[in-house]
């Protein structure tokens, strides 16, 4: 098993160090606690940004209404015009 691991390691020291850093298992709970903190922080930020997203959605909807009404009026008058 050790021979197989040695064969799979990259040959240069720099890439070997990165490979080892990326493939080590979690041996303590510190990293897991940090991940849980990041998850909580991210969800808290998303909850704070939710009203902003709703407001932007509402503003975009309200600003497109006049254009849609004008398009509907144009279509109604265009359909009433006699064709030659």
Protein backbone atom coordinates (compact mmCIF):
# COMPACT_ATOMS: atom_id res chain seq x y z
CA UNK A 1 0.00 0.00 0.00
CA UNK A 2 2.84 2.39 0.86
CA UNK A 3 4.54 1.62 -2.46
CA UNK A 4 1.31 2.36 -4.32
CA UNK A 5 0.96 5.66 -2.44
CA UNK A 6 4.56 6.60 -3.22
CA UNK A 7 4.03 5.82 -6.91
CA UNK A 8 0.91 7.97 -7.05
CA UNK A 9 2.60 10.99 -5.46
CA UNK A 10 3.80 13.75 -7.79
CA UNK A 11 7.55 13.79 -8.37
CA UNK A 12 8.47 17.40 -7.50
CA UNK A 13 8.51 18.63 -3.91
CA UNK A 14 6.14 21.57 -4.51
CA UNK A 15 3.42 19.47 -6.11
CA UNK A 16 4.00 16.70 -3.57
CA UNK A 17 3.34 19.14 -0.72
CA UNK A 18 0.15 20.39 -2.35
CA UNK A 19 -0.99 16.85 -3.05
CA UNK A 20 -0.41 15.84 0.56
CA UNK A 21 -2.20 18.95 1.84
CA UNK A 22 -5.20 18.24 -0.36
CA UNK A 23 -5.45 14.53 0.45
CA UNK A 24 -5.01 14.52 4.22
CA UNK A 25 -7.98 13.44 6.26
CA UNK A 26 -9.61 15.61 8.90
CA UNK A 27 -8.17 14.54 12.23
CA UNK A 28 -9.65 17.20 14.52
CA UNK A 29 -12.93 19.07 14.82
CA UNK A 30 -11.51 22.58 14.31
CA UNK A 31 -12.01 22.57 10.56
CA UNK A 32 -15.53 21.17 10.87
CA UNK A 33 -16.43 23.92 13.35
CA UNK A 34 -15.07 26.52 10.95
CA UNK A 35 -17.15 25.06 8.12
CA UNK A 36 -20.27 25.15 10.29
CA UNK A 37 -19.54 28.78 11.17
CA UNK A 38 -19.16 29.65 7.48
CA UNK A 39 -22.47 27.91 6.72
CA UNK A 40 -24.23 29.87 9.46
CA UNK A 41 -22.65 33.13 8.34
CA UNK A 42 -23.60 32.51 4.71
CA UNK A 43 -27.21 31.69 5.56
CA UNK A 44 -27.42 34.79 7.79
CA UNK A 45 -26.14 36.98 4.94
CA UNK A 46 -28.63 35.40 2.52
CA UNK A 47 -31.48 36.07 4.94
CA UNK A 48 -30.39 39.70 5.18
CA UNK A 49 -30.20 39.99 1.38
CA UNK A 50 -33.62 38.43 0.79
CA UNK A 51 -35.58 41.71 1.25
CA UNK A 52 -33.20 43.44 -1.17
CA UNK A 53 -33.83 40.74 -3.78
CA UNK A 54 -37.60 41.05 -3.30
CA UNK A 55 -37.39 44.83 -3.66
CA UNK A 56 -35.35 44.56 -6.88
CA UNK A 57 -37.84 42.00 -8.25
CA UNK A 58 -40.73 44.37 -7.44
CA UNK A 59 -39.01 47.44 -8.93
CA UNK A 60 -38.16 45.62 -12.17
CA UNK A 61 -41.75 44.40 -12.44
CA UNK A 62 -43.21 47.87 -11.86
CA UNK A 63 -40.85 49.54 -14.35
CA UNK A 64 -41.74 47.07 -17.11
CA UNK A 65 -45.51 47.56 -16.69
CA UNK A 66 -45.77 50.82 -18.72
CA UNK A 67 -43.89 49.24 -21.61
CA UNK A 68 -46.13 46.19 -21.56
CA UNK A 69 -49.27 48.36 -21.45
CA UNK A 70 -48.02 50.41 -24.41
CA UNK A 71 -47.27 47.21 -26.32
CA UNK A 72 -50.76 45.89 -25.60
CA UNK A 73 -52.37 49.16 -26.80
CA UNK A 74 -50.21 49.11 -29.93
CA UNK A 75 -51.18 45.52 -30.70
CA UNK A 76 -54.88 46.29 -30.17
CA UNK A 77 -54.79 49.29 -32.51
CA UNK A 78 -52.68 47.43 -35.06
CA UNK A 79 -55.21 44.62 -35.22
CA UNK A 80 -58.07 47.11 -35.77
CA UNK A 81 -56.37 48.74 -38.79
CA UNK A 82 -57.79 47.65 -42.11
CA UNK A 83 -55.44 45.79 -44.39
CA UNK A 84 -55.14 46.73 -48.07
